[in-house]
């Protein structure tokens, strides 16, 4: 029985980012490689966790592996969407229950504290370098997303949430970011057999 790790993420930016995180984690693995098939699926926004995840899992992923796989599902989301909502949009327990009922063995939830943009800002040097802005550029805004949008604006570019970053992710120091948010990424590392507690 082979192992499959399926990451469901909110957008293309996240797909790019998590691919880098996993590449980085591979270097930390005792064997230097994973004995796991890894799939990335974009659910196109937070609402997709409610409507798309189960369908993609049962219709696209499971048939591909002919059920000969032990599936670990990783739900990667931001938390800021819920800060203003009176009721959370997603009943995570229900999503998890449905996935388990459909054959997933483990479910991991990786939540970016506030938003993934807040994570990116841990490597402000990488972002400024990518945008060709001076090292002393002031970073302001009410949250990570706002700050990133304002920086992009200063460089006459537009930051779109969830859309491919056109090179920004490639310029980020993933190791530095992963280190800064290792408590939030830890469940993912554990599933990959990597010890990131040190």
Protein backbone atom coordinates (compact mmCIF):
# COMPACT_ATOMS: atom_id res chain seq x y z
CA UNK A 1 0.00 0.00 0.00
CA UNK A 2 1.57 3.26 -1.05
CA UNK A 3 1.17 6.59 0.76
CA UNK A 4 -0.49 9.63 -0.75
CA UNK A 5 -0.46 13.14 0.60
CA UNK A 6 -3.08 15.43 -0.92
CA UNK A 7 -2.87 19.16 -0.25
CA UNK A 8 -6.02 21.19 -0.83
CA UNK A 9 -5.18 24.90 -1.00
CA UNK A 10 -7.07 28.12 -1.66
CA UNK A 11 -5.33 29.38 -4.81
CA UNK A 12 -2.45 29.19 -7.30
CA UNK A 13 -0.17 31.28 -5.07
CA UNK A 14 -0.66 28.69 -2.35
CA UNK A 15 0.06 25.80 -4.73
CA UNK A 16 3.38 27.46 -5.64
CA UNK A 17 4.18 28.16 -2.00
CA UNK A 18 3.41 24.69 -0.65
CA UNK A 19 5.40 23.07 -3.46
CA UNK A 20 8.41 25.07 -2.26
CA UNK A 21 7.71 24.19 1.38
CA UNK A 22 7.67 20.49 0.50
CA UNK A 23 10.84 20.78 -1.61
CA UNK A 24 12.47 22.43 1.40
CA UNK A 25 11.14 19.73 3.75
CA UNK A 26 12.59 17.03 1.50
CA UNK A 27 16.10 18.32 2.28
CA UNK A 28 15.37 17.85 5.97
CA UNK A 29 14.13 14.29 5.58
CA UNK A 30 16.55 11.65 6.93
CA UNK A 31 16.37 9.73 3.63
CA UNK A 32 16.53 12.93 1.54
CA UNK A 33 13.33 11.89 -0.22
CA UNK A 34 9.72 10.98 0.51
CA UNK A 35 8.10 7.59 0.03
CA UNK A 36 4.86 9.43 -0.62
CA UNK A 37 2.93 10.53 -3.70
CA UNK A 38 2.11 14.21 -3.35
CA UNK A 39 -0.83 15.93 -5.03
CA UNK A 40 -1.74 19.63 -4.97
CA UNK A 41 -5.33 20.70 -5.61
CA UNK A 42 -6.54 24.28 -5.84
CA UNK A 43 -10.06 24.72 -4.46
CA UNK A 44 -10.23 28.36 -5.68
CA UNK A 45 -11.15 30.21 -2.52
CA UNK A 46 -12.26 29.30 0.96
CA UNK A 47 -15.74 28.20 -0.15
CA UNK A 48 -14.13 25.39 -2.15
CA UNK A 49 -13.38 23.51 1.04
CA UNK A 50 -17.09 23.03 1.44
CA UNK A 51 -17.99 22.14 -2.13
CA UNK A 52 -14.91 21.04 -4.08
CA UNK A 53 -12.63 19.04 -1.77
CA UNK A 54 -14.79 15.94 -1.44
CA UNK A 55 -15.60 15.85 -5.15
CA UNK A 56 -11.95 16.21 -6.19
CA UNK A 57 -10.91 13.54 -3.72
CA UNK A 58 -13.49 10.95 -4.78
CA UNK A 59 -13.56 11.73 -8.55
CA UNK A 60 -9.94 12.70 -9.34
CA UNK A 61 -7.56 11.44 -6.68
CA UNK A 62 -8.92 8.07 -5.63
CA UNK A 63 -9.47 6.69 -9.17
CA UNK A 64 -5.94 7.78 -10.11
CA UNK A 65 -4.46 5.55 -7.39
CA UNK A 66 -7.07 2.80 -7.81
CA UNK A 67 -7.70 2.95 -4.05
CA UNK A 68 -4.30 1.38 -3.46
CA UNK A 69 -3.18 4.26 -1.33
CA UNK A 70 -3.23 5.39 2.26
CA UNK A 71 -4.49 8.95 1.92
CA UNK A 72 -3.48 11.81 4.17
CA UNK A 73 -5.42 14.94 3.33
CA UNK A 74 -3.99 18.35 4.19
CA UNK A 75 -6.47 21.22 4.27
CA UNK A 76 -4.50 24.48 3.98
CA UNK A 77 -6.47 27.61 4.78
CA UNK A 78 -6.16 31.16 6.06
CA UNK A 79 -7.83 32.12 9.33
CA UNK A 80 -8.53 35.78 8.55
CA UNK A 81 -11.62 34.96 6.50
CA UNK A 82 -13.32 34.01 9.73
CA UNK A 83 -12.31 36.99 11.82
CA UNK A 84 -15.26 39.03 10.65
CA UNK A 85 -17.74 36.24 10.09
CA UNK A 86 -20.32 35.81 12.80
CA UNK A 87 -20.43 32.09 12.02
CA UNK A 88 -17.53 30.25 10.40
CA UNK A 89 -18.33 29.60 6.76
CA UNK A 90 -16.85 26.13 6.87
CA UNK A 91 -17.78 23.42 9.32
CA UNK A 92 -14.35 21.82 9.31
CA UNK A 93 -15.48 18.83 11.36
CA UNK A 94 -18.07 17.98 8.73
CA UNK A 95 -15.55 18.31 5.91
CA UNK A 96 -13.18 15.99 7.80
CA UNK A 97 -15.93 13.49 8.59
CA UNK A 98 -17.00 13.27 4.93
CA UNK A 99 -13.40 12.74 3.79
CA UNK A 100 -12.82 9.97 6.33
CA UNK A 101 -16.12 8.35 5.28
CA UNK A 102 -14.87 8.49 1.68
CA UNK A 103 -11.64 6.66 2.44
CA UNK A 104 -9.11 9.19 3.73
CA UNK A 105 -7.02 7.82 6.58
CA UNK A 106 -5.70 11.04 8.15
CA UNK A 107 -6.80 14.65 7.91
CA UNK A 108 -4.45 17.49 8.78
CA UNK A 109 -5.49 21.11 8.95
CA UNK A 110 -2.77 23.70 8.34
CA UNK A 111 -4.09 27.17 9.10
CA UNK A 112 -2.07 30.25 8.26
CA UNK A 113 -2.42 32.56 11.21
CA UNK A 114 -4.46 35.36 9.60
CA UNK A 115 -3.35 34.82 6.00
CA UNK A 116 -0.68 33.27 3.82
CA UNK A 117 0.39 36.81 2.91
CA UNK A 118 1.40 37.31 6.54
CA UNK A 119 3.67 34.30 6.11
CA UNK A 120 5.24 35.74 2.95
CA UNK A 121 6.11 38.94 4.83
CA UNK A 122 8.49 37.02 7.09
CA UNK A 123 10.84 37.37 4.13
CA UNK A 124 10.32 41.04 3.43
CA UNK A 125 13.82 41.24 1.87
CA UNK A 126 12.83 38.66 -0.73
CA UNK A 127 9.62 40.54 -1.57
CA UNK A 128 11.38 43.91 -1.84
CA UNK A 129 14.06 42.31 -4.04
CA UNK A 130 11.43 40.78 -6.30
CA UNK A 131 9.59 44.11 -6.60
CA UNK A 132 12.89 46.01 -7.02
CA UNK A 133 12.03 48.28 -4.11
CA UNK A 134 14.66 49.78 -1.80
CA UNK A 135 15.63 47.89 1.35
CA UNK A 136 14.27 50.72 3.51
CA UNK A 137 10.82 50.75 1.91
CA UNK A 138 8.18 51.30 4.59
CA UNK A 139 5.72 48.48 4.96
CA UNK A 140 2.28 49.57 6.10
CA UNK A 141 -1.22 48.18 6.03
CA UNK A 142 -3.79 46.66 8.31
CA UNK A 143 -2.94 43.01 7.50
CA UNK A 144 -0.58 40.91 5.42
CA UNK A 145 -2.74 41.07 2.33
CA UNK A 146 -3.09 44.87 2.58
CA UNK A 147 0.67 45.29 3.12
CA UNK A 148 1.52 43.14 0.13
CA UNK A 149 -0.97 45.01 -2.07
CA UNK A 150 0.57 48.35 -1.06
CA UNK A 151 4.11 47.14 -1.76
CA UNK A 152 3.06 45.88 -5.19
CA UNK A 153 1.40 49.23 -5.87
CA UNK A 154 4.64 51.05 -5.09
CA UNK A 155 6.29 48.88 -7.74
CA UNK A 156 3.44 49.62 -10.19
CA UNK A 157 2.24 46.05 -10.00
CA UNK A 158 -0.94 44.48 -8.70
CA UNK A 159 -1.06 41.63 -6.20
CA UNK A 160 -3.96 39.28 -6.76
CA UNK A 161 -4.78 36.85 -3.99
CA UNK A 162 -4.68 33.24 -5.14
CA UNK A 163 -3.36 33.97 -8.63
CA UNK A 164 0.13 32.80 -9.63
CA UNK A 165 2.74 35.14 -8.23
CA UNK A 166 4.76 35.45 -11.46
CA UNK A 167 8.02 34.75 -9.74
CA UNK A 168 7.59 36.17 -6.27
CA UNK A 169 7.34 32.77 -4.55
CA UNK A 170 10.54 31.69 -6.31
CA UNK A 171 12.36 34.66 -4.78
CA UNK A 172 11.23 34.00 -1.22
CA UNK A 173 13.48 32.39 1.35
CA UNK A 174 11.17 29.45 2.06
CA UNK A 175 13.45 28.12 4.78
CA UNK A 176 13.23 31.39 6.67
CA UNK A 177 9.42 31.52 6.35
CA UNK A 178 8.96 27.85 7.22
CA UNK A 179 11.09 28.44 10.30
CA UNK A 180 9.04 31.45 11.37
CA UNK A 181 5.76 29.53 11.07
CA UNK A 182 7.00 26.06 11.96
CA UNK A 183 4.39 25.67 14.70
CA UNK A 184 1.68 26.11 12.05
CA UNK A 185 3.45 23.92 9.48
CA UNK A 186 4.43 21.22 11.94
CA UNK A 187 1.47 18.87 11.23
CA UNK A 188 2.49 18.85 7.56
CA UNK A 189 6.13 18.13 8.37
CA UNK A 190 5.12 15.33 10.70
CA UNK A 191 3.02 13.72 7.97
CA UNK A 192 6.09 13.79 5.74
CA UNK A 193 8.28 12.23 8.42
CA UNK A 194 10.31 15.38 9.01
CA UNK A 195 11.14 16.62 12.49
CA UNK A 196 11.04 20.41 12.42
CA UNK A 197 10.96 20.96 16.16
CA UNK A 198 14.66 21.72 16.42
